[in-house]
Amino acid sequence: MKPAKAYMYARDTLRGPFPDGEPAIAKDAEYAYAYARDILYAPFPLGEAAIATDAEYSYKYARDVLMGPFPSGETAIATDAQSSHEYAKYVLNAPFPLGEAAIATDSFWSVSYARDVLKERFPSGEAAIVRAIGEDGEDCLREYVYEIIKGRWFDMEHIILKDKRKK
């Protein structure tokens, strides 16, 4: 049986758990997460191995089902900037060092992480924020300077000014 069919049978026909279909559901991160959230309203240990391979569903499983950390999924979460930010903000309510490398590659998520989680500068993400100038990243730069640095960003002014002169 395919994961989608087993999940839909549980959801639409049984409107409850489908123990015979659980081995199939457990093979797919999306359906294992949805089964835990929408059918069991509880953790689904059999599906956790599949969930733990996917950044988005690991984060959502932690947030919506476990309502707390999902250590098995943290390696996958750490590969994605958005999932890492949201895991730190909504699940851990604290920094997520394992995901900071992924966050630091994206200007938007770097600013959001600094503002929402760290409540201070995020040096690892500053290169991405500056690199985004000229790529519609001015809003990220402006927000970082006004909301995080709260003043002049002396050590980056030469880069910012250099980029502005190119236009």
Foldseek 3Di string as FASTA:
>chain_A
DALVVLLCCCVPPVVADDVVNLLRVLQALVSQLCCQQRHVLEHDVSNLQRVLQAQVSQLCCQVRHVLEHDVSNLLRVLQALVSQQCCQQRHVLEHDVSNLLRVLQALVSLLSCCVRHVVEHDVSNPVNLLVCVVVPSVVSVVSCCCRHVNDDPVVCPVSVVVVVVVD
